[in-house]
Amino acid sequence: VQLVESGGGFVQPGGSLRLSCAASASISLDYMAWYRQVPGKEREFIAGIDNVGTTSHVDSLKGRFTLSRGDAKNTVYHQMNSLTLEDTAVYYCKADRNSKGYWGQGTQVTVSS
């Protein structure tokens, strides 16, 4: 399955962005996750959603970020609110299928005043 992230860009502190992850095939049964990476650091898990819609976020992001599946069976969304400078990173979507991970190419989010 191929994944394409979109929705990144420049935003001021306190602003919001909604990232999208579009898949080339249905991902309704896959565990979907978002990661982010800043230069010089490892890619880190930030949120995931299972096939029945149960979501999980790292504690530091709870309340600001929301993950959901789209009505179409090949899209997930990541709503990010109250963005801070520390949220600047490349955000990646990942699908876990049959013990294999599939990654998108990433989308840059830059929070700057």
C-alpha atoms as a PDB file:
ATOM      1  CA  VAL A   1       0.000   0.000   0.000  1.00  0.00           C
ATOM      2  CA  GLN A   2       1.251   3.496  -0.842  1.00  0.00           C
ATOM      3  CA  LEU A   3       0.650   6.395   1.513  1.00  0.00           C
ATOM      4  CA  VAL A   4       0.662  10.101   0.724  1.00  0.00           C
ATOM      5  CA  GLU A   5       0.583  12.726   3.454  1.00  0.00           C
ATOM      6  CA  SER A   6      -0.660  16.243   2.877  1.00  0.00           C
ATOM      7  CA  GLY A   7      -1.792  19.271   4.824  1.00  0.00           C
ATOM      8  CA  GLY A   8       1.521  20.418   6.213  1.00  0.00           C
ATOM      9  CA  GLY A   9       2.779  23.959   5.905  1.00  0.00           C
ATOM     10  CA  PHE A  10       3.608  27.094   7.854  1.00  0.00           C
ATOM     11  CA  VAL A  11       1.497  28.128  10.810  1.00  0.00           C
ATOM     12  CA  GLN A  12       1.860  30.607  13.641  1.00  0.00           C
ATOM     13  CA  PRO A  13       2.032  29.450  17.249  1.00  0.00           C
ATOM     14  CA  GLY A  14      -1.448  28.697  18.499  1.00  0.00           C
ATOM     15  CA  GLY A  15      -2.682  27.811  15.049  1.00  0.00           C
ATOM     16  CA  SER A  16      -4.087  24.578  13.687  1.00  0.00           C
ATOM     17  CA  LEU A  17      -3.441  22.198  10.830  1.00  0.00           C
ATOM     18  CA  ARG A  18      -5.154  19.063   9.638  1.00  0.00           C
ATOM     19  CA  LEU A  19      -2.893  16.469   8.126  1.00  0.00           C
ATOM     20  CA  SER A  20      -4.260  13.848   5.769  1.00  0.00           C
ATOM     21  CA  CYS A  21      -2.923  10.431   4.906  1.00  0.00           C
ATOM     22  CA  ALA A  22      -4.329   8.976   1.711  1.00  0.00           C
ATOM     23  CA  ALA A  23      -3.689   5.355   0.837  1.00  0.00           C
ATOM     24  CA  SER A  24      -3.672   3.621  -2.526  1.00  0.00           C
ATOM     25  CA  ALA A  25      -5.942   0.896  -1.150  1.00  0.00           C
ATOM     26  CA  SER A  26      -8.331   0.381   1.714  1.00  0.00           C
ATOM     27  CA  ILE A  27      -6.691   0.772   5.108  1.00  0.00           C
ATOM     28  CA  SER A  28      -9.828   0.162   7.129  1.00  0.00           C
ATOM     29  CA  LEU A  29      -8.349  -2.965   8.716  1.00  0.00           C
ATOM     30  CA  ASP A  30      -4.865  -1.599   9.275  1.00  0.00           C
ATOM     31  CA  TYR A  31      -3.442   0.029  12.361  1.00  0.00           C
ATOM     32  CA  MET A  32      -2.580   3.541  11.271  1.00  0.00           C
ATOM     33  CA  ALA A  33      -0.086   5.741  13.037  1.00  0.00           C
ATOM     34  CA  TRP A  34       1.491   9.166  12.818  1.00  0.00           C
ATOM     35  CA  TYR A  35       5.108   9.832  13.615  1.00  0.00           C
ATOM     36  CA  ARG A  36       7.206  12.950  13.487  1.00  0.00           C
ATOM     37  CA  GLN A  37      10.883  13.641  13.130  1.00  0.00           C
ATOM     38  CA  VAL A  38      13.083  16.660  13.631  1.00  0.00           C
ATOM     39  CA  PRO A  39      16.623  16.919  12.253  1.00  0.00           C
ATOM     40  CA  GLY A  40      19.136  15.063  14.366  1.00  0.00           C
ATOM     41  CA  LYS A  41      16.530  13.085  16.266  1.00  0.00           C
ATOM     42  CA  GLU A  42      14.864   9.744  15.815  1.00  0.00           C
ATOM     43  CA  ARG A  43      11.402   9.466  14.359  1.00  0.00           C
ATOM     44  CA  GLU A  44       8.915   9.296  17.216  1.00  0.00           C
ATOM     45  CA  PHE A  45       5.436   7.871  17.517  1.00  0.00           C
ATOM     46  CA  ILE A  46       2.782  10.453  18.307  1.00  0.00           C
ATOM     47  CA  ALA A  47      -0.602   8.835  17.641  1.00  0.00           C
ATOM     48  CA  GLY A  48      -2.328   5.717  16.382  1.00  0.00           C
ATOM     49  CA  ILE A  49      -5.782   4.436  15.500  1.00  0.00           C
ATOM     50  CA  ASP A  50      -6.901   0.832  15.245  1.00  0.00           C
ATOM     51  CA  ASN A  51      -9.446  -0.710  12.925  1.00  0.00           C
ATOM     52  CA  VAL A  52     -12.385   0.006  15.240  1.00  0.00           C
ATOM     53  CA  GLY A  53     -11.462   3.654  15.765  1.00  0.00           C
ATOM     54  CA  THR A  54      -9.739   3.468  19.116  1.00  0.00           C
ATOM     55  CA  THR A  55      -7.045   6.118  19.252  1.00  0.00           C
ATOM     56  CA  SER A  56      -3.963   6.659  21.332  1.00  0.00           C
ATOM     57  CA  HIS A  57      -1.681   9.646  21.658  1.00  0.00           C
ATOM     58  CA  VAL A  58       1.492  10.245  23.537  1.00  0.00           C
ATOM     59  CA  ASP A  59       0.626  11.914  26.824  1.00  0.00           C
ATOM     60  CA  SER A  60       2.268  15.213  25.951  1.00  0.00           C
ATOM     61  CA  LEU A  61      -0.041  15.689  22.950  1.00  0.00           C
ATOM     62  CA  LYS A  62      -3.349  14.594  24.410  1.00  0.00           C
ATOM     63  CA  GLY A  63      -5.957  17.308  24.186  1.00  0.00           C
ATOM     64  CA  ARG A  64      -4.274  19.086  21.288  1.00  0.00           C
ATOM     65  CA  PHE A  65      -4.095  16.432  18.587  1.00  0.00           C
ATOM     66  CA  THR A  66      -6.974  14.254  17.346  1.00  0.00           C
ATOM     67  CA  LEU A  67      -6.760  11.286  15.013  1.00  0.00           C
ATOM     68  CA  SER A  68      -9.685  10.003  12.961  1.00  0.00           C
ATOM     69  CA  ARG A  69     -10.564   7.923   9.944  1.00  0.00           C
ATOM     70  CA  GLY A  70     -12.284   9.424   6.976  1.00  0.00           C
ATOM     71  CA  ASP A  71     -15.586   8.200   5.558  1.00  0.00           C
ATOM     72  CA  ALA A  72     -13.648   6.716   2.684  1.00  0.00           C
ATOM     73  CA  LYS A  73     -11.783   3.591   3.659  1.00  0.00           C
ATOM     74  CA  ASN A  74      -8.416   4.876   2.547  1.00  0.00           C
ATOM     75  CA  THR A  75      -7.876   8.061   4.549  1.00  0.00           C
ATOM     76  CA  VAL A  76      -6.924   9.074   8.059  1.00  0.00           C
ATOM     77  CA  TYR A  77      -6.733  12.585   9.431  1.00  0.00           C
ATOM     78  CA  HIS A  78      -4.699  14.174  12.148  1.00  0.00           C
ATOM     79  CA  GLN A  79      -6.111  17.396  13.538  1.00  0.00           C
ATOM     80  CA  MET A  80      -3.472  19.430  15.342  1.00  0.00           C
ATOM     81  CA  ASN A  81      -4.500  22.405  17.459  1.00  0.00           C
ATOM     82  CA  SER A  82      -2.677  24.930  19.636  1.00  0.00           C
ATOM     83  CA  LEU A  83       0.539  24.286  17.779  1.00  0.00           C
ATOM     84  CA  THR A  84       3.807  25.323  19.368  1.00  0.00           C
ATOM     85  CA  LEU A  85       7.309  25.872  18.046  1.00  0.00           C
ATOM     86  CA  GLU A  86       8.190  22.411  19.352  1.00  0.00           C
ATOM     87  CA  ASP A  87       5.690  20.827  16.960  1.00  0.00           C
ATOM     88  CA  THR A  88       7.861  21.779  14.001  1.00  0.00           C
ATOM     89  CA  ALA A  89       8.823  18.509  12.315  1.00  0.00           C
ATOM     90  CA  VAL A  90       8.255  16.265   9.346  1.00  0.00           C
ATOM     91  CA  TYR A  91       5.123  14.235   9.988  1.00  0.00           C
ATOM     92  CA  TYR A  92       4.832  10.705   8.637  1.00  0.00           C
ATOM     93  CA  CYS A  93       1.931   8.348   8.240  1.00  0.00           C
ATOM     94  CA  LYS A  94       2.433   4.616   8.694  1.00  0.00           C
ATOM     95  CA  ALA A  95       0.245   1.589   8.028  1.00  0.00           C
ATOM     96  CA  ASP A  96       0.847  -1.684   9.838  1.00  0.00           C
ATOM     97  CA  ARG A  97      -0.281  -4.594   7.729  1.00  0.00           C
ATOM     98  CA  ASN A  98       0.619  -8.253   8.135  1.00  0.00           C
ATOM     99  CA  SER A  99       3.535  -7.405  10.426  1.00  0.00           C
ATOM    100  CA  LYS A 100       4.956  -5.019   7.857  1.00  0.00           C
ATOM    101  CA  GLY A 101       5.090  -1.251   8.036  1.00  0.00           C
ATOM    102  CA  TYR A 102       4.374   1.041   5.121  1.00  0.00           C
ATOM    103  CA  TRP A 103       5.462   4.676   5.265  1.00  0.00           C
ATOM    104  CA  GLY A 104       4.505   7.796   3.442  1.00  0.00           C
ATOM    105  CA  GLN A 105       7.045  10.361   2.291  1.00  0.00           C
ATOM    106  CA  GLY A 106       6.202  12.839   5.036  1.00  0.00           C
ATOM    107  CA  THR A 107       4.849  16.351   5.163  1.00  0.00           C
ATOM    108  CA  GLN A 108       6.649  19.309   6.720  1.00  0.00           C
ATOM    109  CA  VAL A 109       4.981  21.272   9.491  1.00  0.00           C
ATOM    110  CA  THR A 110       6.670  24.505  10.469  1.00  0.00           C
ATOM    111  CA  VAL A 111       5.405  26.527  13.405  1.00  0.00           C
ATOM    112  CA  SER A 112       6.903  29.975  13.402  1.00  0.00           C
ATOM    113  CA  SER A 113       5.989  33.513  14.300  1.00  0.00           C
END
